N, C-alpha and C. Protein backbone atom coordinates (compact mmCIF):
# COMPACT_ATOMS: atom_id res chain seq x y z
N UNK A 1 0.82 -1.19 0.00
CA UNK A 1 0.00 0.00 0.00
C UNK A 1 0.87 1.26 0.00
N UNK A 2 1.94 1.24 0.81
CA UNK A 2 2.84 2.38 0.88
C UNK A 2 3.54 2.62 -0.46
N UNK A 3 3.89 1.51 -1.13
CA UNK A 3 4.55 1.64 -2.44
C UNK A 3 3.64 2.30 -3.46
N UNK A 4 2.38 1.93 -3.44
CA UNK A 4 1.41 2.51 -4.38
C UNK A 4 1.29 4.00 -4.14
N UNK A 5 1.20 4.41 -2.88
CA UNK A 5 1.11 5.83 -2.55
C UNK A 5 2.36 6.57 -3.00
N UNK A 6 3.53 5.97 -2.79
CA UNK A 6 4.78 6.60 -3.20
C UNK A 6 4.85 6.76 -4.72
N UNK A 7 4.43 5.74 -5.45
CA UNK A 7 4.42 5.81 -6.91
C UNK A 7 3.45 6.89 -7.39
N UNK A 8 2.29 6.99 -6.76
CA UNK A 8 1.31 8.01 -7.15
C UNK A 8 1.86 9.41 -6.91
N UNK A 9 2.53 9.62 -5.81
CA UNK A 9 3.12 10.93 -5.51
C UNK A 9 4.20 11.25 -6.52
N UNK A 10 5.05 10.28 -6.84
CA UNK A 10 6.12 10.52 -7.83
C UNK A 10 5.53 10.85 -9.20
N UNK A 11 4.45 10.18 -9.57
CA UNK A 11 3.80 10.46 -10.86
C UNK A 11 3.22 11.88 -10.88
N UNK A 12 2.63 12.29 -9.78
CA UNK A 12 2.08 13.65 -9.71
C UNK A 12 3.18 14.69 -9.89
N UNK A 13 4.31 14.48 -9.24
CA UNK A 13 5.43 15.43 -9.39
C UNK A 13 5.96 15.42 -10.81
N UNK A 14 6.00 14.25 -11.44
CA UNK A 14 6.47 14.17 -12.82
C UNK A 14 5.53 14.91 -13.76
N UNK A 15 4.22 14.79 -13.56
CA UNK A 15 3.25 15.51 -14.39
C UNK A 15 3.41 17.02 -14.19
N UNK A 16 3.53 17.47 -12.92
CA UNK A 16 3.73 18.90 -12.65
C UNK A 16 5.00 19.41 -13.30
N UNK A 17 6.09 18.65 -13.20
CA UNK A 17 7.36 19.07 -13.79
C UNK A 17 7.24 19.18 -15.30
N UNK A 18 6.56 18.22 -15.92
CA UNK A 18 6.36 18.27 -17.37
C UNK A 18 5.53 19.46 -17.80
N UNK A 19 4.46 19.73 -17.04
CA UNK A 19 3.62 20.89 -17.34
C UNK A 19 4.39 22.18 -17.18
N UNK A 20 5.20 22.25 -16.15
CA UNK A 20 6.01 23.45 -15.91
C UNK A 20 7.01 23.66 -17.04
N UNK A 21 7.67 22.62 -17.48
CA UNK A 21 8.64 22.75 -18.58
C UNK A 21 7.94 23.17 -19.88
N UNK A 22 6.76 22.64 -20.13
CA UNK A 22 6.00 23.04 -21.32
C UNK A 22 5.61 24.52 -21.23
N UNK A 23 5.27 24.97 -20.01
CA UNK A 23 4.95 26.38 -19.80
C UNK A 23 6.14 27.28 -20.09
N UNK A 24 7.32 26.88 -19.59
CA UNK A 24 8.53 27.67 -19.87
C UNK A 24 8.82 27.73 -21.37
N UNK A 25 8.58 26.62 -22.07
CA UNK A 25 8.81 26.61 -23.52
C UNK A 25 7.94 27.65 -24.21
N UNK A 26 6.68 27.78 -23.79
CA UNK A 26 5.80 28.81 -24.35
C UNK A 26 6.33 30.20 -24.06
N UNK A 27 6.73 30.44 -22.81
CA UNK A 27 7.17 31.79 -22.43
C UNK A 27 8.50 32.17 -23.05
N UNK A 28 9.33 31.20 -23.41
CA UNK A 28 10.58 31.51 -24.11
C UNK A 28 10.29 32.11 -25.49
N UNK A 29 9.17 31.69 -26.09
CA UNK A 29 8.78 32.20 -27.41
C UNK A 29 8.35 33.66 -27.34
N UNK A 30 7.87 34.10 -26.18
CA UNK A 30 7.32 35.45 -26.05
C UNK A 30 5.92 35.51 -26.63
N UNK A 31 5.35 36.72 -26.62
CA UNK A 31 4.03 36.98 -27.18
C UNK A 31 2.91 36.25 -26.45
N UNK A 32 3.11 35.89 -25.18
CA UNK A 32 2.09 35.19 -24.41
C UNK A 32 1.59 36.04 -23.25
N UNK A 33 0.43 35.67 -22.76
CA UNK A 33 -0.18 36.34 -21.61
C UNK A 33 -0.24 35.36 -20.45
N UNK A 34 0.17 35.84 -19.28
CA UNK A 34 0.23 35.01 -18.08
C UNK A 34 -0.69 35.60 -17.01
N UNK A 35 -1.59 34.77 -16.49
CA UNK A 35 -2.34 35.12 -15.29
C UNK A 35 -1.52 34.55 -14.14
N UNK A 36 -0.99 35.41 -13.30
CA UNK A 36 -0.16 34.98 -12.17
C UNK A 36 -0.94 35.21 -10.89
N UNK A 37 -1.23 34.13 -10.17
CA UNK A 37 -1.88 34.30 -8.88
C UNK A 37 -0.84 34.85 -7.90
N UNK A 38 -1.26 35.80 -7.08
CA UNK A 38 -0.34 36.41 -6.11
C UNK A 38 0.37 35.34 -5.31
N UNK A 39 1.54 35.69 -4.77
CA UNK A 39 2.33 34.76 -3.97
C UNK A 39 1.63 34.48 -2.64
N UNK A 40 2.23 33.60 -1.85
CA UNK A 40 1.63 33.11 -0.61
C UNK A 40 1.27 34.21 0.37
N UNK A 41 0.01 34.19 0.79
CA UNK A 41 -0.52 35.14 1.76
C UNK A 41 -1.38 34.35 2.74
N UNK A 42 -1.11 34.44 4.04
CA UNK A 42 -1.88 33.65 5.00
C UNK A 42 -3.36 34.05 5.03
N UNK A 43 -4.20 33.07 5.36
CA UNK A 43 -5.63 33.32 5.45
C UNK A 43 -6.34 32.96 4.16
N UNK A 44 -7.66 33.05 4.22
CA UNK A 44 -8.46 32.68 3.05
C UNK A 44 -9.26 33.85 2.48
N UNK A 45 -9.45 34.90 3.27
CA UNK A 45 -10.23 36.05 2.80
C UNK A 45 -9.79 37.30 3.54
N UNK A 46 -10.04 38.43 2.90
CA UNK A 46 -9.74 39.71 3.56
C UNK A 46 -10.76 39.96 4.67
N UNK A 47 -10.38 40.73 5.68
CA UNK A 47 -11.34 41.08 6.74
C UNK A 47 -12.56 41.80 6.15
N UNK A 48 -13.66 41.76 6.85
CA UNK A 48 -14.92 42.31 6.36
C UNK A 48 -14.82 43.78 5.93
N UNK A 49 -14.11 44.58 6.66
CA UNK A 49 -14.05 46.02 6.36
C UNK A 49 -12.65 46.46 5.94
N UNK A 50 -12.04 45.70 5.03
CA UNK A 50 -10.71 46.09 4.58
C UNK A 50 -10.78 47.33 3.70
N UNK A 51 -9.65 47.99 3.56
CA UNK A 51 -9.55 49.21 2.77
C UNK A 51 -8.45 49.01 1.73
N UNK A 52 -8.79 49.16 0.46
CA UNK A 52 -7.80 48.99 -0.61
C UNK A 52 -6.61 49.94 -0.47
N UNK A 53 -6.83 51.06 0.18
CA UNK A 53 -5.76 52.05 0.34
C UNK A 53 -4.85 51.76 1.53
N UNK A 54 -5.23 50.80 2.38
CA UNK A 54 -4.46 50.51 3.59
C UNK A 54 -4.07 49.03 3.63
N UNK A 55 -2.83 48.76 3.36
CA UNK A 55 -2.37 47.37 3.35
C UNK A 55 -2.55 46.70 4.71
N UNK A 56 -2.49 47.46 5.79
CA UNK A 56 -2.61 46.88 7.13
C UNK A 56 -3.99 46.27 7.37
N UNK A 57 -4.97 46.57 6.52
CA UNK A 57 -6.32 46.02 6.69
C UNK A 57 -6.57 44.81 5.79
N UNK A 58 -5.59 44.41 5.00
CA UNK A 58 -5.74 43.34 4.01
C UNK A 58 -4.88 42.13 4.36
N UNK A 59 -5.14 41.02 3.68
CA UNK A 59 -4.19 39.90 3.70
C UNK A 59 -2.96 40.35 2.93
N UNK A 60 -1.80 40.05 3.47
CA UNK A 60 -0.56 40.44 2.82
C UNK A 60 0.35 39.24 2.66
N UNK A 61 1.40 39.39 1.86
CA UNK A 61 2.32 38.30 1.64
C UNK A 61 3.04 37.93 2.94
N UNK A 62 3.21 36.63 3.14
CA UNK A 62 4.04 36.14 4.25
C UNK A 62 5.50 36.28 3.83
N UNK A 63 6.42 36.02 4.73
CA UNK A 63 7.84 36.04 4.36
C UNK A 63 8.10 35.01 3.27
N UNK A 64 7.47 33.85 3.39
CA UNK A 64 7.62 32.82 2.36
C UNK A 64 7.04 33.31 1.03
N UNK A 65 5.95 34.04 1.08
CA UNK A 65 5.35 34.61 -0.12
C UNK A 65 6.28 35.62 -0.79
N UNK A 66 6.95 36.42 0.02
CA UNK A 66 7.92 37.39 -0.54
C UNK A 66 9.07 36.67 -1.21
N UNK A 67 9.56 35.60 -0.59
CA UNK A 67 10.62 34.80 -1.20
C UNK A 67 10.12 34.17 -2.50
N UNK A 68 8.88 33.68 -2.48
CA UNK A 68 8.30 33.06 -3.66
C UNK A 68 8.21 34.08 -4.80
N UNK A 69 7.77 35.30 -4.51
CA UNK A 69 7.66 36.34 -5.54
C UNK A 69 9.03 36.66 -6.15
N UNK A 70 10.05 36.74 -5.30
CA UNK A 70 11.41 37.00 -5.82
C UNK A 70 11.87 35.85 -6.73
N UNK A 71 11.56 34.62 -6.32
CA UNK A 71 11.92 33.45 -7.12
C UNK A 71 11.20 33.48 -8.48
N UNK A 72 9.93 33.84 -8.46
CA UNK A 72 9.17 33.96 -9.71
C UNK A 72 9.88 34.93 -10.65
N UNK A 73 10.25 36.09 -10.13
CA UNK A 73 10.93 37.09 -10.96
C UNK A 73 12.26 36.60 -11.49
N UNK A 74 13.05 35.94 -10.64
CA UNK A 74 14.36 35.43 -11.07
C UNK A 74 14.20 34.38 -12.16
N UNK A 75 13.23 33.50 -12.00
CA UNK A 75 13.01 32.46 -13.01
C UNK A 75 12.47 33.03 -14.31
N UNK A 76 11.58 34.00 -14.22
CA UNK A 76 11.11 34.66 -15.45
C UNK A 76 12.28 35.30 -16.18
N UNK A 77 13.16 35.98 -15.45
CA UNK A 77 14.31 36.64 -16.06
C UNK A 77 15.25 35.64 -16.71
N UNK A 78 15.41 34.47 -16.12
CA UNK A 78 16.34 33.47 -16.61
C UNK A 78 15.76 32.57 -17.70
N UNK A 79 14.43 32.32 -17.66
CA UNK A 79 13.88 31.26 -18.51
C UNK A 79 12.85 31.72 -19.54
N UNK A 80 12.43 32.97 -19.50
CA UNK A 80 11.37 33.42 -20.40
C UNK A 80 11.86 34.59 -21.26
N UNK A 81 11.13 34.82 -22.34
CA UNK A 81 11.37 36.04 -23.11
C UNK A 81 11.10 37.22 -22.18
N UNK A 82 11.59 38.41 -22.51
CA UNK A 82 11.38 39.55 -21.62
C UNK A 82 9.91 39.77 -21.29
N UNK A 83 9.68 40.23 -20.07
CA UNK A 83 8.34 40.60 -19.66
C UNK A 83 8.13 42.03 -20.12
N UNK A 84 7.23 42.21 -21.05
CA UNK A 84 7.02 43.50 -21.67
C UNK A 84 6.21 44.45 -20.80
N UNK A 85 5.23 43.88 -20.11
CA UNK A 85 4.32 44.71 -19.32
C UNK A 85 3.74 43.88 -18.19
N UNK A 86 3.52 44.52 -17.03
CA UNK A 86 2.92 43.84 -15.89
C UNK A 86 1.74 44.67 -15.41
N UNK A 87 0.57 44.04 -15.31
CA UNK A 87 -0.62 44.67 -14.77
C UNK A 87 -0.99 43.93 -13.49
N UNK A 88 -1.56 44.63 -12.54
CA UNK A 88 -1.90 44.02 -11.26
C UNK A 88 -3.22 44.55 -10.74
N UNK A 89 -3.87 43.74 -9.90
CA UNK A 89 -5.07 44.23 -9.23
C UNK A 89 -4.64 45.31 -8.24
N UNK A 90 -5.61 45.92 -7.60
CA UNK A 90 -5.31 47.02 -6.67
C UNK A 90 -4.99 46.52 -5.26
N UNK A 91 -5.05 45.24 -5.02
CA UNK A 91 -4.80 44.69 -3.69
C UNK A 91 -3.30 44.66 -3.38
N UNK A 92 -2.96 44.90 -2.14
CA UNK A 92 -1.55 45.01 -1.73
C UNK A 92 -0.76 43.74 -2.02
N UNK A 93 -1.36 42.55 -1.84
CA UNK A 93 -0.61 41.32 -2.05
C UNK A 93 -0.28 41.10 -3.53
N UNK A 94 -1.13 41.58 -4.43
CA UNK A 94 -0.81 41.44 -5.85
C UNK A 94 0.22 42.48 -6.27
N UNK A 95 0.07 43.68 -5.75
CA UNK A 95 1.05 44.73 -6.08
C UNK A 95 2.44 44.37 -5.56
N UNK A 96 2.49 43.80 -4.35
CA UNK A 96 3.79 43.43 -3.80
C UNK A 96 4.39 42.25 -4.56
N UNK A 97 3.56 41.29 -4.94
CA UNK A 97 4.05 40.18 -5.77
C UNK A 97 4.66 40.73 -7.05
N UNK A 98 3.96 41.62 -7.72
CA UNK A 98 4.44 42.20 -8.98
C UNK A 98 5.73 42.98 -8.77
N UNK A 99 5.78 43.78 -7.72
CA UNK A 99 6.97 44.60 -7.44
C UNK A 99 8.18 43.73 -7.16
N UNK A 100 8.02 42.72 -6.31
CA UNK A 100 9.15 41.85 -5.96
C UNK A 100 9.60 40.99 -7.13
N UNK A 101 8.67 40.58 -7.97
CA UNK A 101 9.01 39.71 -9.10
C UNK A 101 9.51 40.48 -10.32
N UNK A 102 8.88 41.61 -10.62
CA UNK A 102 9.14 42.27 -11.90
C UNK A 102 9.56 43.73 -11.80
N UNK A 103 9.55 44.30 -10.62
CA UNK A 103 9.89 45.72 -10.48
C UNK A 103 8.64 46.56 -10.48
N UNK A 104 8.28 47.09 -11.61
CA UNK A 104 7.12 47.97 -11.70
C UNK A 104 5.91 47.24 -12.28
N UNK A 105 4.74 47.77 -11.94
CA UNK A 105 3.50 47.24 -12.49
C UNK A 105 2.47 48.35 -12.53
N UNK A 106 1.52 48.22 -13.44
CA UNK A 106 0.42 49.17 -13.53
C UNK A 106 -0.81 48.57 -12.87
N UNK A 107 -1.52 49.36 -12.08
CA UNK A 107 -2.78 48.88 -11.51
C UNK A 107 -3.82 48.76 -12.62
N UNK A 108 -4.56 47.68 -12.58
CA UNK A 108 -5.61 47.40 -13.56
C UNK A 108 -6.80 46.83 -12.78
N UNK A 109 -7.73 47.71 -12.35
CA UNK A 109 -8.84 47.29 -11.48
C UNK A 109 -9.64 46.07 -11.93
N UNK A 110 -9.78 45.79 -13.24
CA UNK A 110 -10.51 44.58 -13.60
C UNK A 110 -9.86 43.27 -13.10
N UNK A 111 -8.61 43.34 -12.65
CA UNK A 111 -7.95 42.15 -12.10
C UNK A 111 -8.29 41.92 -10.63
N UNK A 112 -9.03 42.85 -10.00
CA UNK A 112 -9.51 42.65 -8.63
C UNK A 112 -10.42 41.42 -8.62
N UNK A 113 -10.68 40.83 -7.45
CA UNK A 113 -11.64 39.72 -7.40
C UNK A 113 -12.97 40.14 -8.04
N UNK A 114 -13.63 39.23 -8.74
CA UNK A 114 -14.87 39.58 -9.43
C UNK A 114 -15.92 40.18 -8.51
N UNK A 115 -16.61 41.18 -9.05
CA UNK A 115 -17.66 41.87 -8.30
C UNK A 115 -18.84 40.94 -8.02
N UNK A 116 -19.57 41.22 -6.95
CA UNK A 116 -20.74 40.43 -6.60
C UNK A 116 -21.90 40.68 -7.56
N UNK A 117 -22.06 41.93 -7.98
CA UNK A 117 -23.12 42.30 -8.93
C UNK A 117 -22.83 41.66 -10.28
N UNK A 118 -23.78 40.90 -10.82
CA UNK A 118 -23.57 40.13 -12.05
C UNK A 118 -23.20 41.00 -13.25
N UNK A 119 -23.88 42.12 -13.45
CA UNK A 119 -23.57 43.00 -14.58
C UNK A 119 -22.16 43.59 -14.45
N UNK A 120 -21.83 44.01 -13.24
CA UNK A 120 -20.50 44.58 -12.99
C UNK A 120 -19.42 43.50 -13.18
N UNK A 121 -19.70 42.31 -12.69
CA UNK A 121 -18.77 41.18 -12.82
C UNK A 121 -18.51 40.87 -14.30
N UNK A 122 -19.57 40.81 -15.08
CA UNK A 122 -19.45 40.50 -16.51
C UNK A 122 -18.61 41.56 -17.22
N UNK A 123 -18.86 42.83 -16.92
CA UNK A 123 -18.09 43.93 -17.52
C UNK A 123 -16.61 43.85 -17.11
N UNK A 124 -16.37 43.55 -15.86
CA UNK A 124 -15.01 43.45 -15.34
C UNK A 124 -14.24 42.33 -16.06
N UNK A 125 -14.82 41.15 -16.13
CA UNK A 125 -14.16 40.03 -16.78
C UNK A 125 -14.00 40.26 -18.28
N UNK A 126 -14.98 40.89 -18.90
CA UNK A 126 -14.88 41.23 -20.32
C UNK A 126 -13.70 42.15 -20.59
N UNK A 127 -13.46 43.06 -19.67
CA UNK A 127 -12.34 44.01 -19.82
C UNK A 127 -11.00 43.26 -19.77
N UNK A 128 -10.88 42.26 -18.91
CA UNK A 128 -9.65 41.46 -18.85
C UNK A 128 -9.49 40.66 -20.15
N UNK A 129 -10.57 40.02 -20.60
CA UNK A 129 -10.51 39.24 -21.84
C UNK A 129 -10.14 40.13 -23.02
N UNK A 130 -10.68 41.34 -23.03
CA UNK A 130 -10.36 42.32 -24.08
C UNK A 130 -8.87 42.67 -24.04
N UNK A 131 -8.32 42.89 -22.85
CA UNK A 131 -6.90 43.21 -22.69
C UNK A 131 -6.02 42.06 -23.19
N UNK A 132 -6.40 40.84 -22.85
CA UNK A 132 -5.64 39.67 -23.30
C UNK A 132 -5.71 39.55 -24.82
N UNK A 133 -6.91 39.68 -25.38
CA UNK A 133 -7.09 39.56 -26.83
C UNK A 133 -6.37 40.64 -27.62
N UNK A 134 -6.22 41.82 -27.04
CA UNK A 134 -5.58 42.94 -27.72
C UNK A 134 -4.06 42.89 -27.63
N UNK A 135 -3.52 42.03 -26.79
CA UNK A 135 -2.06 42.03 -26.60
C UNK A 135 -1.36 41.53 -27.85
N UNK A 136 -0.35 42.28 -28.29
CA UNK A 136 0.40 41.89 -29.48
C UNK A 136 1.88 42.21 -29.35
N UNK A 137 2.39 42.23 -28.14
CA UNK A 137 3.81 42.54 -27.94
C UNK A 137 4.71 41.38 -28.31
N UNK A 138 6.01 41.63 -28.33
CA UNK A 138 6.96 40.56 -28.64
C UNK A 138 7.41 39.83 -27.38
N UNK A 139 7.31 40.49 -26.21
CA UNK A 139 7.62 39.83 -24.94
C UNK A 139 6.35 39.25 -24.37
N UNK A 140 6.35 38.99 -23.07
CA UNK A 140 5.18 38.44 -22.41
C UNK A 140 4.48 39.50 -21.57
N UNK A 141 3.18 39.36 -21.46
CA UNK A 141 2.35 40.22 -20.63
C UNK A 141 1.97 39.42 -19.38
N UNK A 142 2.20 39.98 -18.19
CA UNK A 142 1.87 39.30 -16.95
C UNK A 142 0.76 40.07 -16.24
N UNK A 143 -0.29 39.36 -15.86
CA UNK A 143 -1.42 39.92 -15.13
C UNK A 143 -1.45 39.28 -13.74
N UNK A 144 -1.12 40.04 -12.70
CA UNK A 144 -1.06 39.50 -11.34
C UNK A 144 -2.43 39.70 -10.71
N UNK A 145 -3.03 38.58 -10.28
CA UNK A 145 -4.43 38.62 -9.87
C UNK A 145 -4.72 37.61 -8.76
N UNK A 146 -5.96 37.20 -8.65
CA UNK A 146 -6.47 36.38 -7.55
C UNK A 146 -7.06 35.07 -8.07
N UNK A 147 -7.18 34.10 -7.17
CA UNK A 147 -7.77 32.81 -7.52
C UNK A 147 -9.15 32.97 -8.15
N UNK A 148 -10.01 33.78 -7.52
CA UNK A 148 -11.38 33.94 -8.01
C UNK A 148 -11.42 34.50 -9.43
N UNK A 149 -10.49 35.37 -9.74
CA UNK A 149 -10.44 35.96 -11.08
C UNK A 149 -9.98 34.92 -12.09
N UNK A 150 -8.96 34.16 -11.73
CA UNK A 150 -8.47 33.10 -12.62
C UNK A 150 -9.57 32.07 -12.87
N UNK A 151 -10.29 31.68 -11.81
CA UNK A 151 -11.38 30.71 -11.97
C UNK A 151 -12.48 31.26 -12.87
N UNK A 152 -12.85 32.51 -12.67
CA UNK A 152 -13.92 33.11 -13.47
C UNK A 152 -13.53 33.22 -14.95
N UNK A 153 -12.26 33.45 -15.21
CA UNK A 153 -11.80 33.64 -16.59
C UNK A 153 -11.52 32.33 -17.32
N UNK A 154 -11.07 31.31 -16.58
CA UNK A 154 -10.64 30.07 -17.23
C UNK A 154 -11.43 28.83 -16.83
N UNK A 155 -12.15 28.91 -15.71
CA UNK A 155 -12.82 27.73 -15.19
C UNK A 155 -11.88 26.79 -14.45
N UNK A 156 -10.63 27.22 -14.22
CA UNK A 156 -9.64 26.39 -13.55
C UNK A 156 -9.07 27.11 -12.34
N UNK A 157 -8.46 26.34 -11.45
CA UNK A 157 -7.86 26.91 -10.25
C UNK A 157 -6.37 27.13 -10.46
N UNK A 158 -5.75 27.81 -9.51
CA UNK A 158 -4.30 28.03 -9.53
C UNK A 158 -3.82 28.16 -8.10
N UNK A 159 -2.67 27.62 -7.83
CA UNK A 159 -2.05 27.74 -6.51
C UNK A 159 -1.51 29.15 -6.33
N UNK A 160 -1.22 29.52 -5.08
CA UNK A 160 -0.58 30.81 -4.84
C UNK A 160 0.77 30.82 -5.56
N UNK A 161 1.00 31.86 -6.33
CA UNK A 161 2.24 31.99 -7.07
C UNK A 161 2.28 31.20 -8.37
N UNK A 162 1.21 30.54 -8.77
CA UNK A 162 1.20 29.75 -10.01
C UNK A 162 0.93 30.65 -11.21
N UNK A 163 1.62 30.36 -12.30
CA UNK A 163 1.43 31.09 -13.56
C UNK A 163 0.58 30.25 -14.49
N UNK A 164 -0.48 30.85 -15.01
CA UNK A 164 -1.37 30.18 -15.95
C UNK A 164 -1.27 30.96 -17.27
N UNK A 165 -0.74 30.30 -18.28
CA UNK A 165 -0.54 30.93 -19.58
C UNK A 165 -1.84 30.76 -20.37
N UNK A 166 -2.38 31.88 -20.86
CA UNK A 166 -3.70 31.84 -21.48
C UNK A 166 -3.71 32.45 -22.88
N UNK A 167 -4.72 32.06 -23.62
CA UNK A 167 -5.02 32.65 -24.91
C UNK A 167 -6.48 33.05 -24.93
N UNK A 168 -6.82 33.98 -25.79
CA UNK A 168 -8.20 34.46 -25.89
C UNK A 168 -8.99 33.55 -26.81
N UNK A 169 -10.20 33.24 -26.37
CA UNK A 169 -11.09 32.37 -27.14
C UNK A 169 -12.48 32.99 -27.10
N UNK A 170 -12.64 34.13 -27.74
CA UNK A 170 -13.93 34.82 -27.73
C UNK A 170 -14.22 35.46 -26.40
N UNK A 171 -15.25 34.94 -25.70
CA UNK A 171 -15.64 35.55 -24.43
C UNK A 171 -15.06 34.82 -23.22
N UNK A 172 -14.08 33.97 -23.45
CA UNK A 172 -13.43 33.22 -22.37
C UNK A 172 -11.95 33.05 -22.70
N UNK A 173 -11.18 32.76 -21.69
CA UNK A 173 -9.77 32.47 -21.91
C UNK A 173 -9.55 30.97 -21.82
N UNK A 174 -8.64 30.45 -22.62
CA UNK A 174 -8.30 29.03 -22.51
C UNK A 174 -6.86 28.90 -22.05
N UNK A 175 -6.59 27.87 -21.28
CA UNK A 175 -5.28 27.64 -20.69
C UNK A 175 -4.39 26.93 -21.71
N UNK A 176 -3.22 27.54 -21.95
CA UNK A 176 -2.23 26.96 -22.87
C UNK A 176 -1.15 26.20 -22.11
N UNK A 177 -0.89 26.63 -20.88
CA UNK A 177 0.17 26.00 -20.08
C UNK A 177 0.17 26.56 -18.68
N UNK A 178 1.02 25.96 -17.83
CA UNK A 178 1.12 26.35 -16.42
C UNK A 178 2.57 26.27 -15.97
N UNK A 179 2.88 27.09 -14.99
CA UNK A 179 4.18 26.99 -14.32
C UNK A 179 3.92 27.06 -12.83
N UNK A 180 4.38 26.03 -12.13
CA UNK A 180 4.19 25.95 -10.68
C UNK A 180 5.48 26.34 -9.99
N UNK A 181 5.39 27.32 -9.11
CA UNK A 181 6.55 27.77 -8.35
C UNK A 181 6.39 27.27 -6.92
N UNK A 182 7.30 26.45 -6.46
CA UNK A 182 7.22 25.93 -5.08
C UNK A 182 7.89 26.85 -4.10
């Protein structure tokens, strides 16, 4: 029984490693868009009355999350075509992930977690899809965002600090590859 569990774990790591290598191959080509979930931040949700202007009221990166963000940036610099542009949600943990990994980033409110109001949510997600579809640079475009946003756009989940490489497919994004940062 123990051997079976060990083999299953080894297979899972092999699949992740293969997916990660395929993701790097895409990013070496450039001209791709990456949805990057912010690095590790303790907790599952922001406090009820958080303030976007005050990081002290939000979930923030842990020390491990800060290390993870730096690692993401170092690996992007070493293994991918240049990062042409970085957009981030207005939340402190996404802005800090972007800053530690890539230096500068532009705030892009549609990358915030999806709005509760259905019409507002649809407009927000459409704006992200429009941005992805309009991208035509020679380097890569990185969008630092949240799990809920990635799920709403792709129908898939992502770990903290995971890169999901996407393409535009009309009114939805499809996943082309992934890179897992441990």
